[in-house]
């Protein structure tokens, strides 16, 4: 398991722990909305950049592997 696979786990963990966090699961408003709604919406929105970053890191790694393999094949000939 690569370290970049843990990046999307942060928003998922934040969403899963939402009902158990005392500063989120209390009465009160953030930006005029219930705290849980704001917390959940923010982490749902942050899922997209987390997945994008993971995808870019994965493609960079596979790109380096592919170019490294092509370079090695070129030197053998």
C-alpha atoms as a PDB file:
ATOM      1  CA  UNK A   1       0.000   0.000   0.000  1.00  0.00           C
ATOM      2  CA  UNK A   2       1.419   3.337  -1.070  1.00  0.00           C
ATOM      3  CA  UNK A   3       1.241   6.429   1.191  1.00  0.00           C
ATOM      4  CA  UNK A   4      -0.894   8.320  -1.320  1.00  0.00           C
ATOM      5  CA  UNK A   5      -3.649   5.769  -0.838  1.00  0.00           C
ATOM      6  CA  UNK A   6      -4.182   7.276   2.627  1.00  0.00           C
ATOM      7  CA  UNK A   7      -5.022  10.740   1.257  1.00  0.00           C
ATOM      8  CA  UNK A   8      -8.716   9.967   0.524  1.00  0.00           C
ATOM      9  CA  UNK A   9      -8.971   8.234   3.883  1.00  0.00           C
ATOM     10  CA  UNK A  10      -8.774  11.590   5.676  1.00  0.00           C
ATOM     11  CA  UNK A  11     -12.107  12.955   4.357  1.00  0.00           C
ATOM     12  CA  UNK A  12     -13.710   9.517   4.705  1.00  0.00           C
ATOM     13  CA  UNK A  13     -12.569   9.282   8.319  1.00  0.00           C
ATOM     14  CA  UNK A  14     -13.783  12.817   9.040  1.00  0.00           C
ATOM     15  CA  UNK A  15     -17.210  11.922   7.660  1.00  0.00           C
ATOM     16  CA  UNK A  16     -17.367   8.612   9.520  1.00  0.00           C
ATOM     17  CA  UNK A  17     -16.421  10.231  12.833  1.00  0.00           C
ATOM     18  CA  UNK A  18     -18.794  13.166  12.396  1.00  0.00           C
ATOM     19  CA  UNK A  19     -21.502  11.936  14.813  1.00  0.00           C
ATOM     20  CA  UNK A  20     -18.914  11.225  17.516  1.00  0.00           C
ATOM     21  CA  UNK A  21     -17.074  14.554  17.446  1.00  0.00           C
ATOM     22  CA  UNK A  22     -18.427  16.718  20.278  1.00  0.00           C
ATOM     23  CA  UNK A  23     -17.672  20.052  18.617  1.00  0.00           C
ATOM     24  CA  UNK A  24     -19.689  19.000  15.555  1.00  0.00           C
ATOM     25  CA  UNK A  25     -22.533  17.105  17.188  1.00  0.00           C
ATOM     26  CA  UNK A  26     -23.837  19.903  19.402  1.00  0.00           C
ATOM     27  CA  UNK A  27     -26.442  22.596  19.120  1.00  0.00           C
ATOM     28  CA  UNK A  28     -25.263  25.635  17.317  1.00  0.00           C
ATOM     29  CA  UNK A  29     -24.793  27.103  13.916  1.00  0.00           C
ATOM     30  CA  UNK A  30     -21.838  27.640  11.625  1.00  0.00           C
ATOM     31  CA  UNK A  31     -22.508  30.109   8.823  1.00  0.00           C
ATOM     32  CA  UNK A  32     -26.197  29.997   9.752  1.00  0.00           C
ATOM     33  CA  UNK A  33     -26.463  26.242   9.173  1.00  0.00           C
ATOM     34  CA  UNK A  34     -26.341  23.265  11.554  1.00  0.00           C
ATOM     35  CA  UNK A  35     -22.782  22.258  12.406  1.00  0.00           C
ATOM     36  CA  UNK A  36     -23.127  18.693  11.102  1.00  0.00           C
ATOM     37  CA  UNK A  37     -24.387  19.949   7.739  1.00  0.00           C
ATOM     38  CA  UNK A  38     -21.436  22.316   7.321  1.00  0.00           C
ATOM     39  CA  UNK A  39     -18.924  19.678   8.483  1.00  0.00           C
ATOM     40  CA  UNK A  40     -20.338  17.028   6.167  1.00  0.00           C
ATOM     41  CA  UNK A  41     -20.562  19.347   3.169  1.00  0.00           C
ATOM     42  CA  UNK A  42     -17.012  20.633   3.660  1.00  0.00           C
ATOM     43  CA  UNK A  43     -15.529  17.144   3.821  1.00  0.00           C
ATOM     44  CA  UNK A  44     -17.613  15.978   0.865  1.00  0.00           C
ATOM     45  CA  UNK A  45     -16.228  18.864  -1.154  1.00  0.00           C
ATOM     46  CA  UNK A  46     -12.691  18.039   0.030  1.00  0.00           C
ATOM     47  CA  UNK A  47     -13.074  14.459  -1.231  1.00  0.00           C
ATOM     48  CA  UNK A  48     -12.660  15.670  -4.818  1.00  0.00           C
ATOM     49  CA  UNK A  49      -9.218  17.296  -4.385  1.00  0.00           C
ATOM     50  CA  UNK A  50      -8.077  14.330  -2.287  1.00  0.00           C
ATOM     51  CA  UNK A  51      -9.034  11.899  -5.041  1.00  0.00           C
ATOM     52  CA  UNK A  52      -7.481  14.157  -7.702  1.00  0.00           C
ATOM     53  CA  UNK A  53      -4.207  14.344  -5.793  1.00  0.00           C
ATOM     54  CA  UNK A  54      -4.158  10.584  -5.337  1.00  0.00           C
ATOM     55  CA  UNK A  55      -4.853  10.026  -9.029  1.00  0.00           C
ATOM     56  CA  UNK A  56      -2.069  12.407 -10.066  1.00  0.00           C
ATOM     57  CA  UNK A  57       0.426  10.757  -7.725  1.00  0.00           C
ATOM     58  CA  UNK A  58      -0.553   7.328  -9.046  1.00  0.00           C
ATOM     59  CA  UNK A  59      -0.228   8.406 -12.685  1.00  0.00           C
ATOM     60  CA  UNK A  60       3.147  10.027 -11.984  1.00  0.00           C
ATOM     61  CA  UNK A  61       4.392   6.799 -10.433  1.00  0.00           C
ATOM     62  CA  UNK A  62       3.173   4.635 -13.314  1.00  0.00           C
ATOM     63  CA  UNK A  63       4.566   7.170 -15.794  1.00  0.00           C
ATOM     64  CA  UNK A  64       7.987   6.979 -14.171  1.00  0.00           C
ATOM     65  CA  UNK A  65       7.839   3.207 -14.246  1.00  0.00           C
ATOM     66  CA  UNK A  66       6.857   3.199 -17.916  1.00  0.00           C
ATOM     67  CA  UNK A  67       9.595   5.658 -18.948  1.00  0.00           C
ATOM     68  CA  UNK A  68      12.132   3.810 -16.832  1.00  0.00           C
ATOM     69  CA  UNK A  69      11.234   0.574 -18.565  1.00  0.00           C
ATOM     70  CA  UNK A  70      11.394   2.205 -21.999  1.00  0.00           C
ATOM     71  CA  UNK A  71      14.787   3.750 -21.189  1.00  0.00           C
ATOM     72  CA  UNK A  72      16.108   0.414 -19.989  1.00  0.00           C
ATOM     73  CA  UNK A  73      14.931  -1.279 -23.192  1.00  0.00           C
ATOM     74  CA  UNK A  74      16.609   1.418 -25.285  1.00  0.00           C
ATOM     75  CA  UNK A  75      19.980   0.957 -23.585  1.00  0.00           C
ATOM     76  CA  UNK A  76      19.956  -2.793 -24.088  1.00  0.00           C
ATOM     77  CA  UNK A  77      19.841  -2.515 -27.872  1.00  0.00           C
END
